[in-house]
């Protein structure tokens, strides 16, 4: 796929059509965006603004461990 075509496609549109659940969260692990597949996985309740630890009843890394680098990503 050419770079020009990729630049014209909105990343959110690409994420939305994925079969895999995708969510973006802030540094406090609160969900700021999610696609439909993530909604199916997480349930029918409110998702935006809820922490990932609350949604999935899991323990997440310490904020300092995640934000110590210039960029960070946590895959669950």
Protein backbone atom coordinates (compact mmCIF):
# COMPACT_ATOMS: atom_id res chain seq x y z
CA UNK A 1 0.00 0.00 0.00
CA UNK A 2 1.43 3.36 -0.91
CA UNK A 3 2.38 5.85 1.78
CA UNK A 4 0.12 8.48 0.18
CA UNK A 5 -2.91 6.25 0.57
CA UNK A 6 -2.05 5.47 4.19
CA UNK A 7 -1.71 9.17 5.01
CA UNK A 8 -5.23 9.83 3.71
CA UNK A 9 -6.85 7.12 5.79
CA UNK A 10 -7.89 8.12 9.29
CA UNK A 11 -6.37 5.77 11.91
CA UNK A 12 -9.64 5.73 13.87
CA UNK A 13 -11.46 4.47 10.76
CA UNK A 14 -8.92 1.66 10.38
CA UNK A 15 -9.22 0.69 14.05
CA UNK A 16 -13.02 0.77 13.89
CA UNK A 17 -13.24 -1.90 11.20
CA UNK A 18 -10.91 -4.34 12.97
CA UNK A 19 -12.36 -7.60 14.27
CA UNK A 20 -10.03 -7.37 17.25
CA UNK A 21 -11.10 -5.22 20.17
CA UNK A 22 -9.03 -2.05 20.43
CA UNK A 23 -9.16 0.61 23.15
CA UNK A 24 -7.04 3.66 23.81
CA UNK A 25 -6.54 4.79 27.39
CA UNK A 26 -4.91 7.74 29.12
CA UNK A 27 -1.98 7.49 31.54
CA UNK A 28 -4.39 6.49 34.31
CA UNK A 29 -5.66 3.60 32.14
CA UNK A 30 -9.07 5.21 31.71
CA UNK A 31 -10.59 4.42 28.31
CA UNK A 32 -10.72 7.41 25.97
CA UNK A 33 -11.68 5.57 22.75
CA UNK A 34 -12.75 2.05 21.75
CA UNK A 35 -14.02 0.21 18.69
CA UNK A 36 -17.17 -1.92 18.35
CA UNK A 37 -15.28 -5.18 18.85
CA UNK A 38 -13.95 -3.91 22.19
CA UNK A 39 -17.48 -2.95 23.22
CA UNK A 40 -18.61 -6.53 22.54
CA UNK A 41 -15.75 -7.88 24.65
CA UNK A 42 -16.13 -5.43 27.54
CA UNK A 43 -19.90 -5.61 27.82
CA UNK A 44 -22.89 -3.35 27.38
CA UNK A 45 -22.26 -0.88 30.20
CA UNK A 46 -20.46 2.43 30.02
CA UNK A 47 -16.86 2.12 28.84
CA UNK A 48 -15.49 5.60 28.11
CA UNK A 49 -13.83 7.06 31.20
CA UNK A 50 -13.81 3.72 33.04
CA UNK A 51 -10.43 2.25 34.00
CA UNK A 52 -9.23 -0.92 32.32
CA UNK A 53 -8.65 -2.47 35.74
CA UNK A 54 -12.33 -1.95 36.60
CA UNK A 55 -13.55 -3.29 33.28
CA UNK A 56 -11.54 -6.49 33.41
CA UNK A 57 -10.86 -6.87 37.16
CA UNK A 58 -7.08 -6.93 36.60
CA UNK A 59 -4.04 -5.30 38.16
CA UNK A 60 -2.27 -2.90 35.82
CA UNK A 61 1.35 -1.71 35.87
CA UNK A 62 2.35 1.25 38.01
CA UNK A 63 2.01 4.58 36.14
CA UNK A 64 5.74 5.29 36.62
CA UNK A 65 6.66 2.00 34.93
CA UNK A 66 4.54 2.84 31.89
CA UNK A 67 5.30 6.53 31.49
CA UNK A 68 9.04 6.46 32.19
CA UNK A 69 9.86 6.19 28.45
CA UNK A 70 9.11 8.69 25.70
CA UNK A 71 6.27 6.48 24.41
CA UNK A 72 4.40 3.67 26.03
CA UNK A 73 1.93 0.97 25.10
CA UNK A 74 0.36 -1.73 27.21
CA UNK A 75 -1.19 -4.71 25.49
CA UNK A 76 -3.71 -6.72 27.47
